[in-house]
Amino acid sequence: MKPTIPETATVISLDNGTATVLLRGSGHCKGCGAGKIGLCKPGGKSMILRVENNAGAVVGDIVAIGVDSGVRVRGYFLAYIMPIISFITGAVIGHIAGEYFNIDSLDVSAGFLFLTFTSFFTFSKLRRLDRTSMLIIKRIISERVFELDIKSDEERRFEEYLGAR
């Protein structure tokens, strides 16, 4: 997943609620975990991404893109809260079972056993969340940076000539 720091990109095309954007790598890309292990192109190189266009951006707009807050909360819950809860639950169950069966240190073993099983579950859920979620356009920074029709020098001079008359 991308970091929570929003990046700026230029919208280059639109298609049914999604937009294709040109993301120019910045200093934030160098600090991203995906960039450090080589999953994307960090360090000033451009990337073309498909993002959800909930902000109504049009071609040429400069937009801020990032991870949806709901996806981020689900990711934090799966990565941090679920393992802690499972470890504590396992330790409590192990402590109770250890006193009942008169086995020392069953709480530690049960805690790590619960943590291990929960880790397999949460890692698969996190992978699925990473595959199915898209970055979104958070806001439009500036509108219409470029036009689709690029005019030649002669066309511009002719329009200036007509405008001066």
N, C-alpha and C. Protein backbone atom coordinates (compact mmCIF):
# COMPACT_ATOMS: atom_id res chain seq x y z
N MET A 1 0.83 -1.16 0.00
CA MET A 1 0.00 0.00 0.00
C MET A 1 0.88 1.23 0.00
N LYS A 2 0.34 2.27 -0.52
CA LYS A 2 1.06 3.52 -0.52
C LYS A 2 1.08 4.12 0.87
N PRO A 3 2.04 4.98 1.15
CA PRO A 3 2.06 5.62 2.45
C PRO A 3 0.88 6.56 2.62
N THR A 4 0.67 7.03 3.84
CA THR A 4 -0.46 7.90 4.10
C THR A 4 -0.21 9.32 3.65
N ILE A 5 1.00 9.65 3.25
CA ILE A 5 1.30 10.98 2.77
C ILE A 5 0.75 11.11 1.36
N PRO A 6 -0.14 12.08 1.11
CA PRO A 6 -0.70 12.19 -0.24
C PRO A 6 0.35 12.66 -1.24
N GLU A 7 0.31 12.12 -2.41
CA GLU A 7 1.20 12.49 -3.48
C GLU A 7 0.42 13.30 -4.51
N THR A 8 1.12 14.09 -5.29
CA THR A 8 0.46 14.84 -6.35
C THR A 8 0.70 14.15 -7.68
N ALA A 9 -0.32 14.21 -8.52
CA ALA A 9 -0.26 13.56 -9.82
C ALA A 9 -1.06 14.38 -10.82
N THR A 10 -0.86 14.12 -12.10
CA THR A 10 -1.60 14.78 -13.16
C THR A 10 -2.52 13.77 -13.82
N VAL A 11 -3.80 14.11 -13.97
CA VAL A 11 -4.76 13.22 -14.61
C VAL A 11 -4.49 13.23 -16.11
N ILE A 12 -4.29 12.04 -16.70
CA ILE A 12 -4.03 11.97 -18.14
C ILE A 12 -5.16 11.33 -18.92
N SER A 13 -6.05 10.56 -18.26
CA SER A 13 -7.23 10.03 -18.94
C SER A 13 -8.26 9.60 -17.92
N LEU A 14 -9.52 9.49 -18.38
CA LEU A 14 -10.65 9.10 -17.53
C LEU A 14 -11.34 7.90 -18.12
N ASP A 15 -11.92 7.04 -17.24
CA ASP A 15 -12.65 5.87 -17.72
C ASP A 15 -13.59 5.37 -16.63
N ASN A 16 -14.89 5.65 -16.76
CA ASN A 16 -15.94 5.10 -15.87
C ASN A 16 -15.61 5.16 -14.38
N GLY A 17 -15.42 6.34 -13.85
CA GLY A 17 -15.20 6.49 -12.42
C GLY A 17 -13.77 6.30 -11.97
N THR A 18 -12.89 5.92 -12.88
CA THR A 18 -11.48 5.82 -12.54
C THR A 18 -10.70 6.80 -13.42
N ALA A 19 -9.53 7.12 -12.96
CA ALA A 19 -8.67 8.01 -13.72
C ALA A 19 -7.28 7.41 -13.80
N THR A 20 -6.62 7.67 -14.91
CA THR A 20 -5.22 7.29 -15.06
C THR A 20 -4.41 8.55 -14.78
N VAL A 21 -3.49 8.44 -13.84
CA VAL A 21 -2.71 9.61 -13.45
C VAL A 21 -1.23 9.35 -13.64
N LEU A 22 -0.50 10.43 -13.88
CA LEU A 22 0.95 10.38 -13.98
C LEU A 22 1.49 10.89 -12.66
N LEU A 23 2.11 10.00 -11.91
CA LEU A 23 2.64 10.32 -10.58
C LEU A 23 4.14 10.51 -10.71
N ARG A 24 4.59 11.67 -10.35
CA ARG A 24 6.02 11.94 -10.37
C ARG A 24 6.57 11.57 -9.00
N GLY A 25 7.57 10.72 -8.97
CA GLY A 25 8.18 10.29 -7.72
C GLY A 25 8.77 11.48 -6.98
N SER A 26 8.64 11.47 -5.67
CA SER A 26 9.15 12.58 -4.86
C SER A 26 9.96 12.03 -3.71
N GLY A 27 10.29 12.89 -2.78
CA GLY A 27 11.03 12.48 -1.59
C GLY A 27 10.26 11.50 -0.75
N HIS A 28 8.91 11.57 -0.80
CA HIS A 28 8.10 10.63 -0.02
C HIS A 28 8.26 9.21 -0.55
N CYS A 29 8.48 9.07 -1.86
CA CYS A 29 8.64 7.74 -2.44
C CYS A 29 9.89 7.03 -1.89
N LYS A 30 10.93 7.80 -1.61
CA LYS A 30 12.15 7.18 -1.09
C LYS A 30 11.94 6.60 0.30
N GLY A 31 11.01 7.18 1.07
CA GLY A 31 10.76 6.71 2.42
C GLY A 31 9.74 5.60 2.50
N CYS A 32 9.06 5.30 1.40
CA CYS A 32 8.02 4.28 1.38
C CYS A 32 8.65 2.89 1.43
N GLY A 33 8.01 1.98 2.15
CA GLY A 33 8.53 0.61 2.25
C GLY A 33 8.55 -0.10 0.91
N ALA A 34 7.53 0.16 0.07
CA ALA A 34 7.48 -0.49 -1.25
C ALA A 34 8.63 0.00 -2.12
N GLY A 35 8.98 1.27 -1.99
CA GLY A 35 10.10 1.80 -2.76
C GLY A 35 11.44 1.25 -2.29
N LYS A 36 11.56 1.04 -0.99
CA LYS A 36 12.82 0.53 -0.45
C LYS A 36 13.12 -0.90 -0.89
N ILE A 37 12.07 -1.71 -1.05
CA ILE A 37 12.32 -3.09 -1.45
C ILE A 37 12.15 -3.30 -2.96
N GLY A 38 11.91 -2.20 -3.69
CA GLY A 38 11.90 -2.28 -5.15
C GLY A 38 10.57 -2.65 -5.78
N LEU A 39 9.45 -2.53 -5.07
CA LEU A 39 8.16 -2.85 -5.67
C LEU A 39 7.68 -1.78 -6.64
N CYS A 40 8.17 -0.58 -6.50
CA CYS A 40 7.83 0.49 -7.43
C CYS A 40 9.12 1.22 -7.77
N LYS A 41 8.98 2.33 -8.49
CA LYS A 41 10.17 3.05 -8.93
C LYS A 41 10.36 4.30 -8.07
N PRO A 42 11.10 4.21 -6.99
CA PRO A 42 11.27 5.37 -6.13
C PRO A 42 12.34 6.31 -6.66
N GLY A 43 12.35 7.50 -6.13
CA GLY A 43 13.46 8.40 -6.38
C GLY A 43 13.36 9.21 -7.63
N GLY A 44 12.25 9.87 -7.86
CA GLY A 44 12.16 10.81 -8.95
C GLY A 44 11.67 10.24 -10.26
N LYS A 45 11.37 8.97 -10.33
CA LYS A 45 10.88 8.39 -11.58
C LYS A 45 9.35 8.45 -11.60
N SER A 46 8.79 8.59 -12.78
CA SER A 46 7.34 8.72 -12.92
C SER A 46 6.69 7.35 -12.98
N MET A 47 5.43 7.31 -12.52
CA MET A 47 4.63 6.09 -12.59
C MET A 47 3.26 6.46 -13.12
N ILE A 48 2.65 5.54 -13.83
CA ILE A 48 1.27 5.72 -14.29
C ILE A 48 0.41 4.77 -13.47
N LEU A 49 -0.61 5.33 -12.79
CA LEU A 49 -1.46 4.56 -11.90
C LEU A 49 -2.92 4.76 -12.25
N ARG A 50 -3.75 3.77 -11.92
CA ARG A 50 -5.21 3.91 -12.02
C ARG A 50 -5.74 4.15 -10.63
N VAL A 51 -6.54 5.20 -10.48
CA VAL A 51 -7.07 5.59 -9.18
C VAL A 51 -8.57 5.84 -9.30
N GLU A 52 -9.27 5.77 -8.18
CA GLU A 52 -10.69 6.09 -8.17
C GLU A 52 -10.85 7.60 -8.24
N ASN A 53 -11.80 8.04 -9.09
CA ASN A 53 -12.01 9.47 -9.31
C ASN A 53 -13.29 9.91 -8.63
N ASN A 54 -13.29 9.98 -7.30
CA ASN A 54 -14.47 10.43 -6.56
C ASN A 54 -14.56 11.94 -6.49
N ALA A 55 -13.48 12.65 -6.79
CA ALA A 55 -13.46 14.10 -6.68
C ALA A 55 -13.95 14.80 -7.94
N GLY A 56 -14.16 14.05 -9.01
CA GLY A 56 -14.64 14.64 -10.25
C GLY A 56 -13.55 15.37 -11.04
N ALA A 57 -12.33 14.89 -10.97
CA ALA A 57 -11.23 15.51 -11.70
C ALA A 57 -11.38 15.25 -13.19
N VAL A 58 -10.85 16.16 -13.99
CA VAL A 58 -10.87 16.03 -15.44
C VAL A 58 -9.43 15.96 -15.94
N VAL A 59 -9.27 15.63 -17.20
CA VAL A 59 -7.94 15.49 -17.78
C VAL A 59 -7.20 16.82 -17.66
N GLY A 60 -5.98 16.73 -17.16
CA GLY A 60 -5.14 17.91 -17.01
C GLY A 60 -5.08 18.45 -15.60
N ASP A 61 -5.97 18.01 -14.73
CA ASP A 61 -5.96 18.49 -13.34
C ASP A 61 -4.78 17.90 -12.58
N ILE A 62 -4.23 18.72 -11.69
CA ILE A 62 -3.24 18.21 -10.73
C ILE A 62 -4.01 17.85 -9.48
N VAL A 63 -3.85 16.62 -9.02
CA VAL A 63 -4.65 16.11 -7.90
C VAL A 63 -3.75 15.53 -6.82
N ALA A 64 -4.29 15.48 -5.61
CA ALA A 64 -3.63 14.80 -4.50
C ALA A 64 -4.24 13.41 -4.40
N ILE A 65 -3.40 12.38 -4.43
CA ILE A 65 -3.90 11.01 -4.33
C ILE A 65 -3.39 10.40 -3.03
N GLY A 66 -4.13 9.44 -2.53
CA GLY A 66 -3.74 8.76 -1.30
C GLY A 66 -4.62 7.56 -1.06
N VAL A 67 -4.43 6.95 0.09
CA VAL A 67 -5.19 5.77 0.48
C VAL A 67 -6.48 6.23 1.15
N ASP A 68 -7.58 5.58 0.84
CA ASP A 68 -8.86 5.87 1.47
C ASP A 68 -8.74 5.62 2.96
N SER A 69 -9.37 6.46 3.76
CA SER A 69 -9.23 6.33 5.22
C SER A 69 -9.83 5.02 5.73
N GLY A 70 -10.90 4.51 5.10
CA GLY A 70 -11.47 3.23 5.51
C GLY A 70 -10.52 2.07 5.28
N VAL A 71 -9.82 2.09 4.18
CA VAL A 71 -8.82 1.05 3.88
C VAL A 71 -7.67 1.15 4.88
N ARG A 72 -7.26 2.36 5.19
CA ARG A 72 -6.16 2.56 6.12
C ARG A 72 -6.55 2.04 7.52
N VAL A 73 -7.77 2.32 7.96
CA VAL A 73 -8.21 1.86 9.28
C VAL A 73 -8.29 0.34 9.32
N ARG A 74 -8.83 -0.28 8.26
CA ARG A 74 -8.89 -1.75 8.21
C ARG A 74 -7.47 -2.34 8.23
N GLY A 75 -6.55 -1.72 7.51
CA GLY A 75 -5.17 -2.20 7.48
C GLY A 75 -4.51 -2.10 8.85
N TYR A 76 -4.70 -0.98 9.54
CA TYR A 76 -4.14 -0.83 10.89
C TYR A 76 -4.75 -1.85 11.84
N PHE A 77 -6.06 -2.06 11.73
CA PHE A 77 -6.71 -3.02 12.61
C PHE A 77 -6.15 -4.42 12.39
N LEU A 78 -6.01 -4.82 11.11
CA LEU A 78 -5.49 -6.15 10.82
C LEU A 78 -4.01 -6.29 11.18
N ALA A 79 -3.24 -5.24 11.02
CA ALA A 79 -1.80 -5.34 11.25
C ALA A 79 -1.41 -5.19 12.71
N TYR A 80 -2.17 -4.41 13.48
CA TYR A 80 -1.74 -4.12 14.85
C TYR A 80 -2.71 -4.60 15.92
N ILE A 81 -3.98 -4.27 15.77
CA ILE A 81 -4.94 -4.54 16.84
C ILE A 81 -5.26 -6.03 16.96
N MET A 82 -5.55 -6.68 15.83
CA MET A 82 -5.88 -8.12 15.86
C MET A 82 -4.77 -8.96 16.48
N PRO A 83 -3.49 -8.78 16.11
CA PRO A 83 -2.45 -9.59 16.75
C PRO A 83 -2.33 -9.35 18.26
N ILE A 84 -2.48 -8.11 18.69
CA ILE A 84 -2.38 -7.82 20.12
C ILE A 84 -3.53 -8.49 20.88
N ILE A 85 -4.74 -8.36 20.33
CA ILE A 85 -5.91 -8.98 20.97
C ILE A 85 -5.76 -10.49 21.04
N SER A 86 -5.29 -11.10 19.94
CA SER A 86 -5.14 -12.56 19.93
C SER A 86 -4.06 -13.01 20.89
N PHE A 87 -2.97 -12.27 21.00
CA PHE A 87 -1.90 -12.64 21.93
C PHE A 87 -2.40 -12.58 23.38
N ILE A 88 -3.10 -11.50 23.71
CA ILE A 88 -3.61 -11.36 25.08
C ILE A 88 -4.66 -12.43 25.37
N THR A 89 -5.56 -12.68 24.40
CA THR A 89 -6.58 -13.72 24.58
C THR A 89 -5.94 -15.09 24.78
N GLY A 90 -4.95 -15.40 23.96
CA GLY A 90 -4.25 -16.67 24.10
C GLY A 90 -3.54 -16.80 25.44
N ALA A 91 -2.94 -15.70 25.90
CA ALA A 91 -2.25 -15.75 27.19
C ALA A 91 -3.23 -15.96 28.33
N VAL A 92 -4.40 -15.30 28.26
CA VAL A 92 -5.40 -15.48 29.32
C VAL A 92 -5.94 -16.91 29.30
N ILE A 93 -6.27 -17.42 28.13
CA ILE A 93 -6.77 -18.80 28.03
C ILE A 93 -5.69 -19.78 28.49
N GLY A 94 -4.43 -19.52 28.09
CA GLY A 94 -3.34 -20.40 28.52
C GLY A 94 -3.12 -20.35 30.02
N HIS A 95 -3.30 -19.17 30.62
CA HIS A 95 -3.15 -19.06 32.07
C HIS A 95 -4.23 -19.85 32.80
N ILE A 96 -5.46 -19.70 32.33
CA ILE A 96 -6.57 -20.45 32.94
C ILE A 96 -6.38 -21.95 32.76
N ALA A 97 -6.04 -22.37 31.53
CA ALA A 97 -5.82 -23.79 31.27
C ALA A 97 -4.60 -24.31 32.03
N GLY A 98 -3.56 -23.48 32.17
CA GLY A 98 -2.37 -23.89 32.92
C GLY A 98 -2.66 -24.14 34.38
N GLU A 99 -3.51 -23.30 34.98
CA GLU A 99 -3.89 -23.53 36.38
C GLU A 99 -4.77 -24.76 36.52
N TYR A 100 -5.66 -24.98 35.55
CA TYR A 100 -6.56 -26.13 35.60
C TYR A 100 -5.79 -27.44 35.44
N PHE A 101 -4.86 -27.49 34.46
CA PHE A 101 -4.11 -28.72 34.20
C PHE A 101 -2.79 -28.77 34.97
N ASN A 102 -2.48 -27.72 35.73
CA ASN A 102 -1.27 -27.64 36.53
C ASN A 102 -0.01 -27.73 35.64
N ILE A 103 -0.01 -26.91 34.57
CA ILE A 103 1.13 -26.85 33.65
C ILE A 103 1.70 -25.43 33.72
N ASP A 104 2.97 -25.30 34.07
CA ASP A 104 3.60 -23.99 34.15
C ASP A 104 3.88 -23.43 32.74
N SER A 105 3.83 -22.14 32.62
CA SER A 105 4.17 -21.38 31.40
C SER A 105 3.30 -21.73 30.20
N LEU A 106 2.11 -22.24 30.44
CA LEU A 106 1.20 -22.51 29.32
C LEU A 106 0.65 -21.20 28.76
N ASP A 107 0.62 -20.15 29.57
CA ASP A 107 0.10 -18.88 29.11
C ASP A 107 0.98 -18.28 28.01
N VAL A 108 2.29 -18.39 28.13
CA VAL A 108 3.20 -17.86 27.12
C VAL A 108 3.07 -18.66 25.82
N SER A 109 3.06 -19.98 25.94
CA SER A 109 2.94 -20.84 24.75
C SER A 109 1.61 -20.60 24.04
N ALA A 110 0.53 -20.53 24.80
CA ALA A 110 -0.78 -20.32 24.19
C ALA A 110 -0.86 -18.94 23.55
N GLY A 111 -0.28 -17.94 24.20
CA GLY A 111 -0.28 -16.59 23.62
C GLY A 111 0.42 -16.55 22.29
N PHE A 112 1.60 -17.15 22.20
CA PHE A 112 2.32 -17.16 20.93
C PHE A 112 1.65 -18.06 19.89
N LEU A 113 1.01 -19.13 20.33
CA LEU A 113 0.27 -19.98 19.40
C LEU A 113 -0.90 -19.22 18.79
N PHE A 114 -1.67 -18.51 19.62
CA PHE A 114 -2.77 -17.69 19.11
C PHE A 114 -2.24 -16.60 18.18
N LEU A 115 -1.12 -15.98 18.55
CA LEU A 115 -0.52 -14.94 17.73
C LEU A 115 -0.10 -15.48 16.37
N THR A 116 0.47 -16.67 16.35
CA THR A 116 0.90 -17.28 15.09
C THR A 116 -0.28 -17.56 14.17
N PHE A 117 -1.33 -18.16 14.71
CA PHE A 117 -2.51 -18.45 13.88
C PHE A 117 -3.18 -17.16 13.39
N THR A 118 -3.25 -16.18 14.24
CA THR A 118 -3.85 -14.91 13.84
C THR A 118 -3.00 -14.21 12.79
N SER A 119 -1.69 -14.33 12.89
CA SER A 119 -0.80 -13.71 11.90
C SER A 119 -1.04 -14.27 10.52
N PHE A 120 -1.20 -15.58 10.38
CA PHE A 120 -1.50 -16.15 9.07
C PHE A 120 -2.81 -15.61 8.52
N PHE A 121 -3.81 -15.50 9.37
CA PHE A 121 -5.11 -14.97 8.97
C PHE A 121 -5.00 -13.50 8.55
N THR A 122 -4.36 -12.68 9.38
CA THR A 122 -4.29 -11.25 9.08
C THR A 122 -3.40 -10.96 7.87
N PHE A 123 -2.32 -11.71 7.68
CA PHE A 123 -1.49 -11.49 6.51
C PHE A 123 -2.24 -11.79 5.23
N SER A 124 -3.05 -12.84 5.21
CA SER A 124 -3.84 -13.13 4.01
C SER A 124 -4.88 -12.05 3.77
N LYS A 125 -5.50 -11.56 4.85
CA LYS A 125 -6.48 -10.47 4.71
C LYS A 125 -5.81 -9.18 4.24
N LEU A 126 -4.62 -8.89 4.76
CA LEU A 126 -3.89 -7.69 4.33
C LEU A 126 -3.49 -7.78 2.86
N ARG A 127 -3.05 -8.95 2.42
CA ARG A 127 -2.71 -9.13 1.00
C ARG A 127 -3.93 -8.92 0.12
N ARG A 128 -5.08 -9.47 0.53
CA ARG A 128 -6.31 -9.29 -0.24
C ARG A 128 -6.73 -7.82 -0.24
N LEU A 129 -6.60 -7.15 0.89
CA LEU A 129 -6.94 -5.73 0.98
C LEU A 129 -6.02 -4.90 0.08
N ASP A 130 -4.76 -5.26 0.02
CA ASP A 130 -3.81 -4.56 -0.83
C ASP A 130 -4.12 -4.77 -2.32
N ARG A 131 -4.54 -5.98 -2.68
CA ARG A 131 -4.86 -6.27 -4.08
C ARG A 131 -6.17 -5.62 -4.53
N THR A 132 -7.14 -5.55 -3.64
CA THR A 132 -8.47 -5.09 -4.05
C THR A 132 -8.69 -3.59 -3.88
N SER A 133 -7.90 -2.93 -3.06
CA SER A 133 -8.13 -1.50 -2.85
C SER A 133 -7.31 -0.68 -3.84
N MET A 134 -7.86 0.47 -4.18
CA MET A 134 -7.19 1.39 -5.09
C MET A 134 -6.91 2.69 -4.36
N LEU A 135 -5.93 3.40 -4.86
CA LEU A 135 -5.72 4.76 -4.38
C LEU A 135 -6.89 5.61 -4.85
N ILE A 136 -7.15 6.71 -4.17
CA ILE A 136 -8.24 7.59 -4.56
C ILE A 136 -7.70 9.00 -4.75
N ILE A 137 -8.44 9.77 -5.53
CA ILE A 137 -8.14 11.19 -5.66
C ILE A 137 -8.76 11.88 -4.45
N LYS A 138 -7.93 12.43 -3.59
CA LYS A 138 -8.43 13.07 -2.37
C LYS A 138 -8.97 14.47 -2.65
N ARG A 139 -8.26 15.23 -3.48
CA ARG A 139 -8.73 16.57 -3.81
C ARG A 139 -8.04 17.05 -5.07
N ILE A 140 -8.64 18.06 -5.70
CA ILE A 140 -8.06 18.68 -6.89
C ILE A 140 -7.24 19.87 -6.44
N ILE A 141 -5.97 19.88 -6.81
CA ILE A 141 -5.09 20.96 -6.39
C ILE A 141 -5.18 22.14 -7.36
N SER A 142 -5.03 21.87 -8.65
CA SER A 142 -5.22 22.91 -9.65
C SER A 142 -5.85 22.29 -10.89
N GLU A 143 -6.55 23.10 -11.64
CA GLU A 143 -7.32 22.58 -12.76
C GLU A 143 -6.65 22.88 -14.09
N ARG A 144 -6.80 21.94 -14.99
CA ARG A 144 -6.38 22.07 -16.38
C ARG A 144 -4.97 22.60 -16.56
N VAL A 145 -4.00 21.74 -16.30
CA VAL A 145 -2.61 22.13 -16.49
C VAL A 145 -2.24 22.14 -17.96
N PHE A 146 -2.78 21.20 -18.71
CA PHE A 146 -2.49 21.16 -20.13
C PHE A 146 -3.78 20.86 -20.88
N GLU A 147 -3.74 21.16 -22.18
CA GLU A 147 -4.89 20.89 -23.03
C GLU A 147 -4.58 19.68 -23.90
N LEU A 148 -5.64 19.03 -24.36
CA LEU A 148 -5.44 17.86 -25.21
C LEU A 148 -4.85 18.24 -26.56
N ASP A 149 -5.27 19.40 -27.11
CA ASP A 149 -4.77 19.84 -28.41
C ASP A 149 -3.58 20.76 -28.19
N ILE A 150 -2.42 20.31 -28.61
CA ILE A 150 -1.23 21.13 -28.49
C ILE A 150 -1.10 21.96 -29.76
N LYS A 151 -1.00 23.25 -29.58
CA LYS A 151 -0.93 24.15 -30.74
C LYS A 151 0.52 24.40 -31.11
N SER A 152 0.73 24.52 -32.40
CA SER A 152 2.07 24.81 -32.88
C SER A 152 2.36 26.30 -32.70
N ASP A 153 3.62 26.68 -32.91
CA ASP A 153 4.01 28.09 -32.78
C ASP A 153 3.27 28.95 -33.79
N GLU A 154 3.06 28.42 -34.99
CA GLU A 154 2.36 29.19 -36.02
C GLU A 154 0.91 29.45 -35.63
N GLU A 155 0.24 28.42 -35.07
CA GLU A 155 -1.15 28.61 -34.65
C GLU A 155 -1.26 29.64 -33.53
N ARG A 156 -0.34 29.59 -32.59
CA ARG A 156 -0.37 30.57 -31.50
C ARG A 156 -0.12 31.99 -32.00
N ARG A 157 0.88 32.12 -32.89
CA ARG A 157 1.15 33.45 -33.45
C ARG A 157 -0.03 33.97 -34.23
N PHE A 158 -0.70 33.09 -34.99
CA PHE A 158 -1.87 33.50 -35.77
C PHE A 158 -3.00 33.93 -34.84
N GLU A 159 -3.23 33.21 -33.75
CA GLU A 159 -4.27 33.61 -32.80
C GLU A 159 -3.93 34.93 -32.11
N GLU A 160 -2.64 35.14 -31.82
CA GLU A 160 -2.22 36.43 -31.25
C GLU A 160 -2.42 37.56 -32.28
N TYR A 161 -2.14 37.25 -33.54
CA TYR A 161 -2.31 38.23 -34.60
C TYR A 161 -3.78 38.62 -34.74
N LEU A 162 -4.68 37.59 -34.69
CA LEU A 162 -6.11 37.87 -34.78
C LEU A 162 -6.61 38.63 -33.55
N GLY A 163 -6.06 38.30 -32.38
CA GLY A 163 -6.46 38.97 -31.17
C GLY A 163 -6.01 40.41 -31.10
N ALA A 164 -4.89 40.75 -31.77
CA ALA A 164 -4.36 42.10 -31.76
C ALA A 164 -5.13 43.02 -32.70
N ARG A 165 -5.87 42.48 -33.64
CA ARG A 165 -6.59 43.30 -34.63
C ARG A 165 -7.80 43.89 -34.08
